[in-house]
Amino acid sequence: MKALIYKGPGQKALEDRPMPDIQSAGDAVVKITKTTICGTDLHILKGDVPSCTPGRVLGHEGVGIVEKVGSGVASFKKGDHVLISCISACGRCEFCRKGMFSHCTTGGWILGNTIDGTQAEYVRIPHAETSLYHIPKGVDEEALVMLSDILPTGFECGVLNGRVAPGSSVAIVGAGPIGLAALLTAKFYSPAEIIVIDLDDNRLSVAKHFGATHTVNSGDGKAIEKVMEITGGKGVDTSIEAVGIPATFVLCQRIVAAGGTIANIGVHGVKADLHLEDLWSHNITITTRLVDTVSTPMLLKTVQAQKIDPKLLITHRFKLADMMKAYEVFGHAADTKALKVIIEAE
């Protein structure tokens, strides 16, 4: 089969690989029909994720058709159309029982990280019973690719951890796909102000279209002043970091109001400053999280009910044979205006 292989920092290749097979009773093998590229994949290629070693098939998102199942899988059978969760969960360990599937002792974020992932024609899914979801009839499978990772990530790590509430003020720093996913799901809670901050005017325009009440281009170095002007000098109740670089984490600290919450989503590969000299007396909460995908069933229902349209995030489509080009387009989003790309199997 064809698969996109991580070859080391800055290196990748589309290669032929053997098809995966069942390794334990709880496994399923899924034929990928649609997958995508995540910002986390770009972090891996930068060398920010040392747990992902050269030779790995990348990717942790997608939908597909069950090809075969292990003897311990009862809920899925060959031919079922399924949504693949980016998080594999056994459902039995101490962390899973707490709802922290991301820290499952035999799972967690392993797809495209410590085991081969979804940017291939086939993928092996461990703990299939609790890591796959049946796709409801009539639901757009292309839209559901966004539910593998970015919708639950934006919602859980940004909106829920950020304690977004009716009438509150929210700033999302970063208008990439994950920031826009946080914007779409923040609207569930009717905040009074949603301020989106980015360097890219095109992405800010998209954010406005998605429902941002204000957009701020931070290229002039005056983002803090602009946010303070919007909020009457108080700052925001929730600042969401959706980039993963030191400067944006610091910006979140500078714009949060007393009693507010800083919710980190971004994947950070280097240290970032924490300005406790300013924050120690301000009743600030700082949260970090790897998505647990506990919200996926709820998000599936909202998409099925057409309360949210994650397909809005899709800007480009490619075939698997054009995977290298898809990475180029996604990796140069400022020039290509890419948000999420869909890769279809041949």
Protein backbone atom coordinates (compact mmCIF):
# COMPACT_ATOMS: atom_id res chain seq x y z
CA MET A 1 0.00 0.00 0.00
CA LYS A 2 1.02 3.66 -0.36
CA ALA A 3 1.83 5.55 2.85
CA LEU A 4 3.35 8.89 3.85
CA ILE A 5 6.50 8.20 5.85
CA TYR A 6 8.31 10.47 8.32
CA LYS A 7 12.01 10.19 7.47
CA GLY A 8 13.39 12.50 10.17
CA PRO A 9 13.20 16.26 10.83
CA GLY A 10 12.31 18.05 7.61
CA GLN A 11 12.04 14.83 5.60
CA LYS A 12 9.07 12.80 4.37
CA ALA A 13 8.29 10.49 1.46
CA LEU A 14 5.37 8.62 -0.11
CA GLU A 15 6.44 4.98 -0.12
CA ASP A 16 5.14 1.44 -0.55
CA ARG A 17 4.54 -0.34 2.75
CA PRO A 18 3.07 -3.75 3.68
CA MET A 19 -0.61 -3.69 4.57
CA PRO A 20 -1.22 -3.74 8.33
CA ASP A 21 -2.79 -6.82 9.90
CA ILE A 22 -4.53 -7.76 13.13
CA GLN A 23 -2.02 -7.99 15.98
CA SER A 24 -4.34 -8.46 18.95
CA ALA A 25 -7.95 -9.43 19.55
CA GLY A 26 -9.11 -5.83 19.96
CA ASP A 27 -7.68 -4.57 16.67
CA ALA A 28 -9.44 -3.52 13.51
CA VAL A 29 -7.91 -2.81 10.10
CA VAL A 30 -9.61 0.08 8.32
CA LYS A 31 -9.39 0.96 4.63
CA ILE A 32 -8.94 4.73 4.58
CA THR A 33 -11.34 6.63 2.33
CA LYS A 34 -10.51 10.18 3.48
CA THR A 35 -7.79 11.58 5.71
CA THR A 36 -6.14 14.94 6.29
CA ILE A 37 -3.00 16.69 7.52
CA CYS A 38 -2.81 18.21 11.00
CA GLY A 39 -0.68 21.03 12.30
CA THR A 40 0.76 18.44 14.66
CA ASP A 41 2.16 16.60 11.63
CA LEU A 42 4.05 19.78 10.77
CA HIS A 43 5.36 19.92 14.34
CA ILE A 44 6.58 16.32 13.94
CA LEU A 45 8.38 17.29 10.74
CA LYS A 46 10.02 20.18 12.58
CA GLY A 47 11.35 17.72 15.16
CA ASP A 48 9.09 18.98 17.96
CA VAL A 49 7.69 15.52 18.81
CA PRO A 50 10.60 13.21 19.72
CA SER A 51 8.28 10.25 20.44
CA CYS A 52 7.67 10.02 16.67
CA THR A 53 10.69 8.31 15.16
CA PRO A 54 11.85 8.03 11.54
CA GLY A 55 10.05 5.37 9.53
CA ARG A 56 6.63 6.12 11.00
CA VAL A 57 3.49 6.41 8.83
CA LEU A 58 2.07 9.80 9.75
CA GLY A 59 -1.54 10.84 10.32
CA HIS A 60 -4.11 10.43 13.08
CA GLU A 61 -7.37 11.51 11.42
CA GLY A 62 -9.72 9.97 8.93
CA VAL A 63 -12.79 8.00 7.98
CA GLY A 64 -12.88 4.63 6.30
CA ILE A 65 -14.40 1.19 5.89
CA VAL A 66 -13.63 -1.70 8.22
CA GLU A 67 -11.60 -4.34 6.37
CA LYS A 68 -11.21 -6.89 9.17
CA VAL A 69 -11.55 -7.13 12.95
CA GLY A 70 -9.95 -9.13 15.72
CA SER A 71 -11.78 -11.82 17.65
CA GLY A 72 -12.44 -9.44 20.55
CA VAL A 73 -14.28 -6.82 18.45
CA ALA A 74 -18.08 -7.19 18.58
CA SER A 75 -19.37 -3.71 17.72
CA PHE A 76 -17.81 -3.44 14.25
CA LYS A 77 -17.68 -5.74 11.25
CA LYS A 78 -16.24 -5.77 7.76
CA GLY A 79 -17.92 -3.12 5.61
CA ASP A 80 -18.86 -0.72 8.40
CA HIS A 81 -18.19 2.95 7.68
CA VAL A 82 -16.33 4.43 10.65
CA LEU A 83 -14.86 7.61 12.05
CA ILE A 84 -11.35 7.11 13.43
CA SER A 85 -10.55 8.89 16.68
CA CYS A 86 -7.12 10.48 16.93
CA ILE A 87 -6.98 9.01 20.44
CA SER A 88 -6.92 5.25 21.05
CA ALA A 89 -8.49 4.23 24.36
CA CYS A 90 -8.71 0.85 26.08
CA GLY A 91 -11.61 2.06 28.24
CA ARG A 92 -10.40 0.06 31.24
CA CYS A 93 -7.21 1.58 32.64
CA GLU A 94 -7.15 4.14 35.46
CA PHE A 95 -6.85 7.11 33.11
CA CYS A 96 -9.63 5.92 30.79
CA ARG A 97 -11.94 5.48 33.79
CA LYS A 98 -11.28 9.16 34.58
CA GLY A 99 -12.19 10.13 31.02
CA MET A 100 -8.54 10.96 30.27
CA PHE A 101 -8.35 8.79 27.17
CA SER A 102 -5.33 10.74 25.94
CA HIS A 103 -3.32 9.16 28.76
CA CYS A 104 -4.54 5.60 28.24
CA THR A 105 -1.73 3.32 29.40
CA THR A 106 -1.87 1.26 26.19
CA GLY A 107 -3.24 3.92 23.87
CA GLY A 108 -3.56 7.69 23.90
CA TRP A 109 -2.16 9.64 20.97
CA ILE A 110 -0.33 6.76 19.33
CA LEU A 111 -1.62 6.89 15.73
CA GLY A 112 0.96 8.57 13.53
CA ASN A 113 3.15 9.03 16.59
CA THR A 114 4.31 5.76 18.15
CA ILE A 115 2.43 3.43 15.78
CA ASP A 116 1.67 3.81 12.07
CA GLY A 117 -1.10 6.26 11.25
CA THR A 118 -3.82 7.14 8.78
CA GLN A 119 -2.01 8.81 5.89
CA ALA A 120 -2.05 5.51 4.07
CA GLU A 121 -4.43 3.20 2.24
CA TYR A 122 -4.98 1.07 5.35
CA VAL A 123 -4.42 1.53 9.09
CA ARG A 124 -4.52 -0.77 12.11
CA ILE A 125 -6.65 0.61 14.95
CA PRO A 126 -5.93 -0.80 18.42
CA HIS A 127 -8.79 -0.86 20.95
CA ALA A 128 -11.25 -0.63 18.06
CA GLU A 129 -14.33 -0.98 20.30
CA THR A 130 -13.56 2.32 22.02
CA SER A 131 -11.55 4.10 19.33
CA LEU A 132 -13.90 3.93 16.33
CA TYR A 133 -17.37 5.43 15.83
CA HIS A 134 -20.11 4.26 13.49
CA ILE A 135 -20.91 6.91 10.89
CA PRO A 136 -24.64 7.73 10.88
CA LYS A 137 -26.39 7.29 7.55
CA GLY A 138 -26.63 10.45 5.49
CA VAL A 139 -23.87 12.36 7.27
CA ASP A 140 -21.18 13.87 5.03
CA GLU A 141 -18.10 11.74 5.65
CA GLU A 142 -15.80 14.50 4.41
CA ALA A 143 -17.09 16.78 7.17
CA LEU A 144 -16.61 14.02 9.74
CA VAL A 145 -12.86 13.94 9.11
CA MET A 146 -12.84 17.17 11.13
CA LEU A 147 -14.24 15.21 14.09
CA SER A 148 -11.23 12.91 14.28
CA ASP A 149 -9.19 15.63 15.95
CA ILE A 150 -9.60 19.35 15.40
CA LEU A 151 -13.24 19.80 16.45
CA PRO A 152 -12.90 17.89 19.74
CA THR A 153 -9.46 19.45 20.31
CA GLY A 154 -10.69 23.01 19.83
CA PHE A 155 -13.72 22.28 21.98
CA GLU A 156 -12.12 20.33 24.82
CA CYS A 157 -8.71 21.99 25.08
CA GLY A 158 -9.89 25.50 24.22
CA VAL A 159 -13.57 26.00 25.00
CA LEU A 160 -14.14 23.60 27.89
CA ASN A 161 -10.75 24.11 29.53
CA GLY A 162 -11.10 27.84 28.92
CA ARG A 163 -14.44 27.89 30.77
CA VAL A 164 -16.16 29.85 28.02
CA ALA A 165 -19.52 31.01 29.34
CA PRO A 166 -22.57 32.97 28.14
CA GLY A 167 -21.80 36.68 27.96
CA SER A 168 -18.06 36.18 28.46
CA SER A 169 -15.20 37.52 26.37
CA VAL A 170 -12.87 35.19 24.49
CA ALA A 171 -9.67 35.81 22.56
CA ILE A 172 -8.35 33.08 20.26
CA VAL A 173 -4.71 33.61 19.36
CA GLY A 174 -4.20 31.83 16.06
CA ALA A 175 -6.73 31.57 13.23
CA GLY A 176 -5.49 28.32 11.80
CA PRO A 177 -7.75 25.25 11.63
CA ILE A 178 -7.53 24.54 15.35
CA GLY A 179 -8.25 28.14 16.32
CA LEU A 180 -11.20 28.22 13.94
CA ALA A 181 -12.45 24.94 15.43
CA ALA A 182 -12.33 26.59 18.85
CA LEU A 183 -14.26 29.54 17.40
CA LEU A 184 -16.99 27.31 15.91
CA THR A 185 -17.50 25.42 19.16
CA ALA A 186 -17.17 28.46 21.43
CA LYS A 187 -20.41 29.67 19.88
CA PHE A 188 -22.21 26.80 21.67
CA TYR A 189 -21.92 28.95 24.83
CA SER A 190 -22.89 32.35 23.40
CA PRO A 191 -19.94 34.47 24.55
CA ALA A 192 -20.52 38.19 24.08
CA GLU A 193 -17.16 38.76 22.38
CA ILE A 194 -14.97 36.44 20.35
CA ILE A 195 -11.74 38.17 19.34
CA VAL A 196 -9.50 36.33 16.89
CA ILE A 197 -5.85 37.36 16.57
CA ASP A 198 -3.54 36.35 13.74
CA LEU A 199 -0.96 37.68 11.27
CA ASP A 200 -2.90 36.52 8.20
CA ASP A 201 -5.67 38.80 6.93
CA ASN A 202 -7.21 35.97 4.90
CA ARG A 203 -7.59 33.78 7.96
CA LEU A 204 -8.96 36.72 9.93
CA SER A 205 -11.53 37.22 7.19
CA VAL A 206 -12.52 33.56 7.50
CA ALA A 207 -12.77 33.97 11.29
CA LYS A 208 -15.12 36.90 10.80
CA HIS A 209 -17.22 34.79 8.44
CA PHE A 210 -17.31 32.02 11.07
CA GLY A 211 -18.66 34.37 13.73
CA ALA A 212 -15.81 36.30 15.33
CA THR A 213 -17.08 39.61 16.71
CA HIS A 214 -13.65 41.23 16.31
CA THR A 215 -10.44 40.39 14.45
CA VAL A 216 -6.97 41.75 15.20
CA ASN A 217 -3.93 41.57 12.94
CA SER A 218 -0.99 41.36 15.34
CA GLY A 219 1.61 42.22 12.70
CA ASP A 220 1.95 45.79 13.93
CA GLY A 221 2.81 44.70 17.47
CA LYS A 222 -0.27 46.42 18.91
CA ALA A 223 -2.51 43.41 19.54
CA ILE A 224 -2.51 43.93 23.32
CA GLU A 225 -3.63 47.56 23.01
CA LYS A 226 -6.37 46.60 20.54
CA VAL A 227 -7.73 43.86 22.78
CA MET A 228 -7.72 46.20 25.76
CA GLU A 229 -9.58 48.79 23.73
CA ILE A 230 -12.23 46.22 22.75
CA THR A 231 -12.65 45.03 26.35
CA GLY A 232 -12.64 48.43 28.03
CA GLY A 233 -9.18 47.91 29.48
CA LYS A 234 -10.03 44.74 31.39
CA GLY A 235 -8.77 42.01 29.08
CA VAL A 236 -10.61 38.83 28.16
CA ASP A 237 -12.15 36.20 30.39
CA THR A 238 -10.61 33.43 28.27
CA SER A 239 -7.50 33.57 26.13
CA ILE A 240 -6.90 30.51 23.96
CA GLU A 241 -3.42 29.77 22.64
CA ALA A 242 -3.81 27.99 19.29
CA VAL A 243 -0.39 28.34 17.65
CA GLY A 244 2.28 26.70 19.80
CA ILE A 245 5.10 29.26 19.91
CA PRO A 246 6.45 31.27 22.86
CA ALA A 247 5.27 34.67 21.55
CA THR A 248 1.63 33.63 21.34
CA PHE A 249 1.67 32.08 24.81
CA VAL A 250 3.05 35.33 26.20
CA LEU A 251 0.40 37.30 24.29
CA CYS A 252 -2.30 35.18 25.96
CA GLN A 253 -0.86 36.17 29.35
CA ARG A 254 -0.87 39.86 28.47
CA ILE A 255 -4.54 39.99 27.40
CA VAL A 256 -6.23 37.84 30.04
CA ALA A 257 -8.38 39.62 32.63
CA ALA A 258 -8.12 39.18 36.38
CA GLY A 259 -9.91 35.96 37.29
CA GLY A 260 -9.57 34.73 33.72
CA THR A 261 -8.33 31.51 32.13
CA ILE A 262 -5.50 30.84 29.70
CA ALA A 263 -6.25 27.66 27.77
CA ASN A 264 -3.35 26.21 25.82
CA ILE A 265 -4.07 24.15 22.70
CA GLY A 266 -0.85 24.64 20.74
CA VAL A 267 1.90 22.02 20.47
CA HIS A 268 5.01 23.59 22.00
CA GLY A 269 8.43 22.37 20.97
CA VAL A 270 10.48 24.87 22.99
CA LYS A 271 10.12 26.55 26.37
CA ALA A 272 7.94 29.63 26.78
CA ASP A 273 8.10 32.38 29.40
CA LEU A 274 5.57 32.46 32.22
CA HIS A 275 5.25 35.99 33.62
CA LEU A 276 4.37 35.19 37.20
CA GLU A 277 5.67 38.62 38.23
CA ASP A 278 2.47 39.95 36.64
CA LEU A 279 0.07 37.06 37.09
CA TRP A 280 0.74 35.84 40.64
CA SER A 281 -1.91 38.12 42.19
CA HIS A 282 -4.50 38.05 39.41
CA ASN A 283 -6.40 34.81 40.11
CA ILE A 284 -5.41 33.39 36.72
CA THR A 285 -5.96 29.76 35.75
CA ILE A 286 -3.65 28.20 33.15
CA THR A 287 -4.78 24.93 31.57
CA THR A 288 -3.05 22.43 29.32
CA ARG A 289 -4.56 19.36 27.70
CA LEU A 290 -4.16 16.73 25.05
CA VAL A 291 -7.56 16.07 23.54
CA ASP A 292 -9.41 13.11 25.10
CA THR A 293 -12.16 12.98 22.44
CA VAL A 294 -14.79 12.50 25.16
CA SER A 295 -16.89 15.06 23.27
CA THR A 296 -16.88 13.17 19.97
CA PRO A 297 -20.32 11.52 20.41
CA MET A 298 -21.87 14.91 21.21
CA LEU A 299 -20.15 16.56 18.25
CA LEU A 300 -21.34 13.77 15.97
CA LYS A 301 -24.91 14.55 17.02
CA THR A 302 -24.48 18.28 16.45
CA VAL A 303 -23.12 17.66 12.95
CA GLN A 304 -25.90 15.17 12.20
CA ALA A 305 -28.44 17.78 13.37
CA GLN A 306 -26.72 20.41 11.20
CA LYS A 307 -26.05 22.64 14.21
CA ILE A 308 -22.43 22.97 13.16
CA ASP A 309 -20.77 22.57 9.76
CA PRO A 310 -17.13 21.48 10.07
CA LYS A 311 -16.91 21.20 6.28
CA LEU A 312 -16.45 24.97 6.30
CA LEU A 313 -12.86 24.30 7.36
CA ILE A 314 -11.99 22.37 4.16
CA THR A 315 -10.26 24.40 1.45
CA HIS A 316 -8.30 21.90 -0.69
CA ARG A 317 -8.68 18.31 -1.88
CA PHE A 318 -6.03 15.87 -3.11
CA LYS A 319 -5.59 12.22 -3.99
CA LEU A 320 -3.28 10.08 -1.87
CA ALA A 321 -0.82 9.93 -4.78
CA ASP A 322 -0.49 13.74 -4.46
CA MET A 323 0.27 13.63 -0.74
CA MET A 324 3.60 15.45 -1.10
CA LYS A 325 1.87 18.31 -2.90
CA ALA A 326 -0.82 18.36 -0.20
CA TYR A 327 1.88 18.87 2.45
CA GLU A 328 3.38 21.71 0.44
CA VAL A 329 0.01 23.44 0.16
CA PHE A 330 -0.84 22.91 3.84
CA GLY A 331 2.63 23.90 5.02
CA HIS A 332 2.52 27.21 3.10
CA ALA A 333 -0.95 28.26 4.16
CA ALA A 334 -0.16 31.97 4.12
CA ASP A 335 0.41 31.73 0.37
CA THR A 336 -2.12 29.03 -0.53
CA LYS A 337 -4.92 30.14 1.86
CA ALA A 338 -5.20 26.54 3.02
CA LEU A 339 -7.12 25.57 6.14
CA LYS A 340 -7.84 21.84 6.14
CA VAL A 341 -6.99 19.62 3.19
CA ILE A 342 -8.81 16.39 2.38
CA ILE A 343 -6.83 13.47 1.00
CA GLU A 344 -8.92 10.84 -0.75
CA ALA A 345 -7.88 7.27 -1.34
CA GLU A 346 -7.55 6.25 -4.98
